[in-house]
Amino acid sequence: MRILIVVCVFMGICAVSEGCSCLGPLTNKSFGCRSDFIIKTEVLSDMRALDPKDPFNMYFKIRTPSHIYKFKGSKAGINFERVYTAENSAMCGVTLDKGFTYILSGKIDTTTKRLTLNSCVSWIEKYPISLQSRVLLKLFEEKKVDCSQFSEP
């Protein structure tokens, strides 16, 4: 009986400690390579819940992107007024500050036509950005970045 209790406690601790974990390397280049889109936009709202019962359905309102550096696929039907993420970092969610301009990258949910962000694939950099980031964005825009070394997470 004692062993069963110890095993149950251990399993409970493991379940609680399991959170978001990403495969490296985590650099702006790897984020950009693994992303479906890279945009420059201003965040217009704090995090909001589309469905309060679903912690993976949170979103931020954004201004229509002022610049698109990379976009895979068709833009038809894509909602460019919101970016979706999980509620907190333990679920790989990201936090953005209302009123600031960012470089954002992430995945496109092809079913819902949503721009999605998560801490494993999203390049999130608040303006002003570094010279190194500006150079990298230009290279992405010109399709001159070699992404062959980065596999999907």
C-alpha atoms as a PDB file:
ATOM      1  CA  MET A   1       0.000   0.000   0.000  1.00  0.00           C
ATOM      2  CA  ARG A   2       2.833   2.363   0.861  1.00  0.00           C
ATOM      3  CA  ILE A   3       4.460   1.788  -2.523  1.00  0.00           C
ATOM      4  CA  LEU A   4       1.177   2.565  -4.269  1.00  0.00           C
ATOM      5  CA  ILE A   5       0.905   5.875  -2.434  1.00  0.00           C
ATOM      6  CA  VAL A   6       4.510   6.792  -3.307  1.00  0.00           C
ATOM      7  CA  VAL A   7       3.913   5.923  -6.971  1.00  0.00           C
ATOM      8  CA  CYS A   8       0.693   7.991  -7.056  1.00  0.00           C
ATOM      9  CA  VAL A   9       2.413  11.002  -5.478  1.00  0.00           C
ATOM     10  CA  PHE A  10       5.332  10.707  -7.910  1.00  0.00           C
ATOM     11  CA  MET A  11       2.978  10.478 -10.899  1.00  0.00           C
ATOM     12  CA  GLY A  12       1.063  13.523  -9.645  1.00  0.00           C
ATOM     13  CA  ILE A  13       4.267  15.558  -9.346  1.00  0.00           C
ATOM     14  CA  CYS A  14       5.326  14.533 -12.851  1.00  0.00           C
ATOM     15  CA  ALA A  15       1.939  15.506 -14.280  1.00  0.00           C
ATOM     16  CA  VAL A  16       1.994  18.916 -12.594  1.00  0.00           C
ATOM     17  CA  SER A  17       5.568  19.677 -13.629  1.00  0.00           C
ATOM     18  CA  GLU A  18       4.955  18.839 -17.287  1.00  0.00           C
ATOM     19  CA  GLY A  19       4.637  22.069 -19.214  1.00  0.00           C
ATOM     20  CA  CYS A  20       5.666  23.568 -22.473  1.00  0.00           C
ATOM     21  CA  SER A  21       8.924  22.193 -23.814  1.00  0.00           C
ATOM     22  CA  CYS A  22      10.477  23.090 -27.142  1.00  0.00           C
ATOM     23  CA  LEU A  23      13.141  21.571 -29.331  1.00  0.00           C
ATOM     24  CA  GLY A  24      16.105  23.872 -29.918  1.00  0.00           C
ATOM     25  CA  PRO A  25      17.775  25.843 -31.216  1.00  0.00           C
ATOM     26  CA  LEU A  26      15.528  28.774 -30.349  1.00  0.00           C
ATOM     27  CA  THR A  27      16.823  31.681 -32.406  1.00  0.00           C
ATOM     28  CA  ASN A  28      15.007  34.256 -34.523  1.00  0.00           C
ATOM     29  CA  LYS A  29      16.245  32.422 -37.610  1.00  0.00           C
ATOM     30  CA  SER A  30      14.876  29.078 -36.391  1.00  0.00           C
ATOM     31  CA  PHE A  31      11.590  30.727 -35.387  1.00  0.00           C
ATOM     32  CA  GLY A  32      11.306  32.380 -38.801  1.00  0.00           C
ATOM     33  CA  CYS A  33      12.155  29.177 -40.639  1.00  0.00           C
ATOM     34  CA  ARG A  34       9.613  27.121 -38.708  1.00  0.00           C
ATOM     35  CA  SER A  35       6.868  29.737 -39.069  1.00  0.00           C
ATOM     36  CA  ASP A  36       4.216  30.098 -41.734  1.00  0.00           C
ATOM     37  CA  PHE A  37       4.174  33.885 -41.393  1.00  0.00           C
ATOM     38  CA  ILE A  38       6.303  36.792 -40.190  1.00  0.00           C
ATOM     39  CA  ILE A  39       4.532  40.141 -39.765  1.00  0.00           C
ATOM     40  CA  LYS A  40       4.991  43.583 -38.254  1.00  0.00           C
ATOM     41  CA  THR A  41       1.915  44.721 -36.346  1.00  0.00           C
ATOM     42  CA  GLU A  42       0.650  46.707 -33.384  1.00  0.00           C
ATOM     43  CA  VAL A  43      -1.181  44.963 -30.527  1.00  0.00           C
ATOM     44  CA  LEU A  44      -4.531  46.676 -29.895  1.00  0.00           C
ATOM     45  CA  SER A  45      -5.859  44.730 -26.897  1.00  0.00           C
ATOM     46  CA  ASP A  46      -4.939  42.756 -23.846  1.00  0.00           C
ATOM     47  CA  MET A  47      -5.395  38.984 -24.052  1.00  0.00           C
ATOM     48  CA  ARG A  48      -9.042  38.031 -24.522  1.00  0.00           C
ATOM     49  CA  ALA A  49     -10.903  34.746 -24.337  1.00  0.00           C
ATOM     50  CA  LEU A  50     -12.858  33.525 -27.342  1.00  0.00           C
ATOM     51  CA  ASP A  51     -14.260  30.799 -25.087  1.00  0.00           C
ATOM     52  CA  PRO A  52     -13.535  31.256 -21.358  1.00  0.00           C
ATOM     53  CA  LYS A  53     -13.579  27.472 -20.879  1.00  0.00           C
ATOM     54  CA  ASP A  54     -10.861  26.864 -23.480  1.00  0.00           C
ATOM     55  CA  PRO A  55      -7.385  28.059 -22.400  1.00  0.00           C
ATOM     56  CA  PHE A  56      -6.008  27.402 -25.910  1.00  0.00           C
ATOM     57  CA  ASN A  57      -8.468  29.828 -27.530  1.00  0.00           C
ATOM     58  CA  MET A  58      -7.088  33.149 -26.278  1.00  0.00           C
ATOM     59  CA  TYR A  59      -6.350  36.018 -28.641  1.00  0.00           C
ATOM     60  CA  PHE A  60      -4.972  39.528 -28.988  1.00  0.00           C
ATOM     61  CA  LYS A  61      -6.526  42.055 -31.355  1.00  0.00           C
ATOM     62  CA  ILE A  62      -3.928  43.442 -33.759  1.00  0.00           C
ATOM     63  CA  ARG A  63      -3.780  46.163 -36.375  1.00  0.00           C
ATOM     64  CA  THR A  64      -3.734  44.859 -39.933  1.00  0.00           C
ATOM     65  CA  PRO A  65      -0.035  44.071 -40.437  1.00  0.00           C
ATOM     66  CA  SER A  66       1.952  47.040 -41.712  1.00  0.00           C
ATOM     67  CA  HIS A  67       4.453  44.654 -43.275  1.00  0.00           C
ATOM     68  CA  ILE A  68       4.420  40.958 -44.210  1.00  0.00           C
ATOM     69  CA  TYR A  69       7.923  39.491 -44.446  1.00  0.00           C
ATOM     70  CA  LYS A  70       6.912  35.886 -45.011  1.00  0.00           C
ATOM     71  CA  PHE A  71       3.603  34.168 -45.708  1.00  0.00           C
ATOM     72  CA  LYS A  72       3.048  30.534 -46.701  1.00  0.00           C
ATOM     73  CA  GLY A  73      -0.069  29.767 -48.662  1.00  0.00           C
ATOM     74  CA  SER A  74      -3.045  31.867 -49.608  1.00  0.00           C
ATOM     75  CA  LYS A  75      -4.072  34.964 -47.653  1.00  0.00           C
ATOM     76  CA  ALA A  76      -7.715  34.434 -48.635  1.00  0.00           C
ATOM     77  CA  GLY A  77      -9.952  34.182 -45.596  1.00  0.00           C
ATOM     78  CA  ILE A  78      -7.148  34.723 -43.071  1.00  0.00           C
ATOM     79  CA  ASN A  79      -8.162  36.859 -40.100  1.00  0.00           C
ATOM     80  CA  PHE A  80      -5.440  39.522 -39.922  1.00  0.00           C
ATOM     81  CA  GLU A  81      -7.136  41.290 -36.999  1.00  0.00           C
ATOM     82  CA  ARG A  82      -6.271  38.714 -34.312  1.00  0.00           C
ATOM     83  CA  VAL A  83      -3.450  36.442 -33.238  1.00  0.00           C
ATOM     84  CA  TYR A  84      -4.305  33.381 -31.160  1.00  0.00           C
ATOM     85  CA  THR A  85      -2.282  31.733 -28.421  1.00  0.00           C
ATOM     86  CA  ALA A  86      -2.658  29.607 -25.306  1.00  0.00           C
ATOM     87  CA  GLU A  87      -3.493  31.271 -22.009  1.00  0.00           C
ATOM     88  CA  ASN A  88      -0.059  31.000 -20.372  1.00  0.00           C
ATOM     89  CA  SER A  89       3.552  30.004 -20.921  1.00  0.00           C
ATOM     90  CA  ALA A  90       3.066  26.563 -19.331  1.00  0.00           C
ATOM     91  CA  MET A  91       0.828  25.795 -22.336  1.00  0.00           C
ATOM     92  CA  CYS A  92       3.324  27.422 -24.745  1.00  0.00           C
ATOM     93  CA  GLY A  93       1.273  30.617 -24.867  1.00  0.00           C
ATOM     94  CA  VAL A  94       2.858  34.027 -25.368  1.00  0.00           C
ATOM     95  CA  THR A  95       2.246  37.419 -23.788  1.00  0.00           C
ATOM     96  CA  LEU A  96       2.032  40.663 -25.755  1.00  0.00           C
ATOM     97  CA  ASP A  97       1.700  44.221 -24.474  1.00  0.00           C
ATOM     98  CA  LYS A  98      -1.165  46.374 -25.721  1.00  0.00           C
ATOM     99  CA  GLY A  99      -0.074  49.491 -27.609  1.00  0.00           C
ATOM    100  CA  PHE A 100       3.290  48.145 -28.748  1.00  0.00           C
ATOM    101  CA  THR A 101       4.474  47.153 -32.211  1.00  0.00           C
ATOM    102  CA  TYR A 102       6.013  43.711 -32.667  1.00  0.00           C
ATOM    103  CA  ILE A 103       7.560  41.360 -35.132  1.00  0.00           C
ATOM    104  CA  LEU A 104       5.393  38.243 -34.822  1.00  0.00           C
ATOM    105  CA  SER A 105       5.767  34.881 -36.470  1.00  0.00           C
ATOM    106  CA  GLY A 106       3.855  31.662 -36.063  1.00  0.00           C
ATOM    107  CA  LYS A 107       1.680  29.055 -37.677  1.00  0.00           C
ATOM    108  CA  ILE A 108      -1.479  29.389 -39.745  1.00  0.00           C
ATOM    109  CA  ASP A 109      -4.307  27.140 -38.615  1.00  0.00           C
ATOM    110  CA  THR A 110      -5.600  26.120 -42.037  1.00  0.00           C
ATOM    111  CA  THR A 111      -8.910  24.883 -40.638  1.00  0.00           C
ATOM    112  CA  THR A 112      -9.884  28.072 -38.788  1.00  0.00           C
ATOM    113  CA  LYS A 113      -7.783  30.495 -40.910  1.00  0.00           C
ATOM    114  CA  ARG A 114      -6.166  31.876 -37.742  1.00  0.00           C
ATOM    115  CA  LEU A 115      -2.706  33.235 -37.122  1.00  0.00           C
ATOM    116  CA  THR A 116      -1.402  31.318 -34.104  1.00  0.00           C
ATOM    117  CA  LEU A 117       1.531  32.021 -31.813  1.00  0.00           C
ATOM    118  CA  ASN A 118       3.343  29.742 -29.413  1.00  0.00           C
ATOM    119  CA  SER A 119       6.633  29.952 -27.601  1.00  0.00           C
ATOM    120  CA  CYS A 120       8.162  27.052 -29.567  1.00  0.00           C
ATOM    121  CA  VAL A 121       7.782  28.500 -33.073  1.00  0.00           C
ATOM    122  CA  SER A 122       7.077  32.190 -32.677  1.00  0.00           C
ATOM    123  CA  TRP A 123       9.515  35.032 -33.149  1.00  0.00           C
ATOM    124  CA  ILE A 124       8.222  37.763 -30.873  1.00  0.00           C
ATOM    125  CA  GLU A 125      10.254  40.950 -30.739  1.00  0.00           C
ATOM    126  CA  LYS A 126       9.018  44.320 -29.515  1.00  0.00           C
ATOM    127  CA  TYR A 127      10.009  47.462 -31.413  1.00  0.00           C
ATOM    128  CA  PRO A 128      12.556  48.931 -31.696  1.00  0.00           C
ATOM    129  CA  ILE A 129      14.230  45.775 -33.008  1.00  0.00           C
ATOM    130  CA  SER A 130      17.936  45.088 -33.325  1.00  0.00           C
ATOM    131  CA  LEU A 131      19.987  45.661 -36.464  1.00  0.00           C
ATOM    132  CA  GLN A 132      20.559  41.899 -36.641  1.00  0.00           C
ATOM    133  CA  SER A 133      16.781  41.327 -36.673  1.00  0.00           C
ATOM    134  CA  ARG A 134      16.244  43.974 -39.368  1.00  0.00           C
ATOM    135  CA  VAL A 135      18.836  42.278 -41.576  1.00  0.00           C
ATOM    136  CA  LEU A 136      17.269  38.855 -40.984  1.00  0.00           C
ATOM    137  CA  LEU A 137      13.777  40.163 -41.806  1.00  0.00           C
ATOM    138  CA  LYS A 138      15.059  41.605 -45.083  1.00  0.00           C
ATOM    139  CA  LEU A 139      16.581  38.220 -45.932  1.00  0.00           C
ATOM    140  CA  PHE A 140      13.279  36.452 -45.174  1.00  0.00           C
ATOM    141  CA  GLU A 141      11.437  38.959 -47.331  1.00  0.00           C
ATOM    142  CA  GLU A 142      13.856  38.338 -50.197  1.00  0.00           C
ATOM    143  CA  LYS A 143      13.608  34.545 -49.657  1.00  0.00           C
ATOM    144  CA  LYS A 144      17.360  34.321 -49.093  1.00  0.00           C
ATOM    145  CA  VAL A 145      17.342  32.437 -45.761  1.00  0.00           C
ATOM    146  CA  ASP A 146      18.566  28.840 -45.806  1.00  0.00           C
ATOM    147  CA  CYS A 147      16.144  26.971 -43.545  1.00  0.00           C
ATOM    148  CA  SER A 148      17.272  23.446 -44.468  1.00  0.00           C
ATOM    149  CA  GLN A 149      18.834  22.803 -41.028  1.00  0.00           C
ATOM    150  CA  PHE A 150      15.580  23.457 -39.147  1.00  0.00           C
ATOM    151  CA  SER A 151      13.003  20.718 -38.938  1.00  0.00           C
ATOM    152  CA  GLU A 152       9.462  21.119 -37.685  1.00  0.00           C
ATOM    153  CA  PRO A 153       9.222  20.960 -33.878  1.00  0.00           C
END
